[in-house]
Amino acid sequence: MTIASPINLILLSLFVIVVYLQLRPKAPVCLPKGPAPVVFRTFTPTTLLPYNGEGDQPVYLAVRGRVFDVTPGKNFYGPGGPYENFAGRDASRGLACQSFDEEMLTKDLKAPLDDLKDLDSEQLENLQSWEERFSEKYLVVGKLVAERDPEAANA
């Protein structure tokens, strides 16, 4: 029996393969990339408008001066969704009145923000309920100020 028998050659080949598999360079471990960090910022009605979910834009909407990132609910708030009129806009009056029609939106984006003073207690309660739902579900990414507000310079 010689050292170069077929069984010894097979065992040697297997040994070489196992050693190679153990010692070969490993691919570096890469963690998956997370979402881009959200920076809290000041919006005006005109700077909020592009955040309507078209293209790759996120979907933001404002409720009582707070801007929420509702992109996870893009099916509802983005293009083609039932609440798409609110995307990139102040949705406060529409949510309070439980109306998703376009006439609930402020037409003149340069005008002062809607102060909602004419809402009755039931409408204010509706608005509070929506605001709580958004606070539980979505990130606040900014605040909404009027175009002529001194803070608008930061928008």
Foldseek 3Di string as FASTA:
>chain_A
DDCPDPVNVVVVVVVVVVVCVVPPDDDDDDDDDDDDDFAAFEAALVRLQVQLAPDPHFWWAAAPFWIWGCRVVCCQCHPPHVQSLRTSFHCHQCQLVVHSDNVSGDPDSQDFDDPCPPRDPSSVVSSVVVVVVRVVPTDGRYTYGHCPDPRVVRD
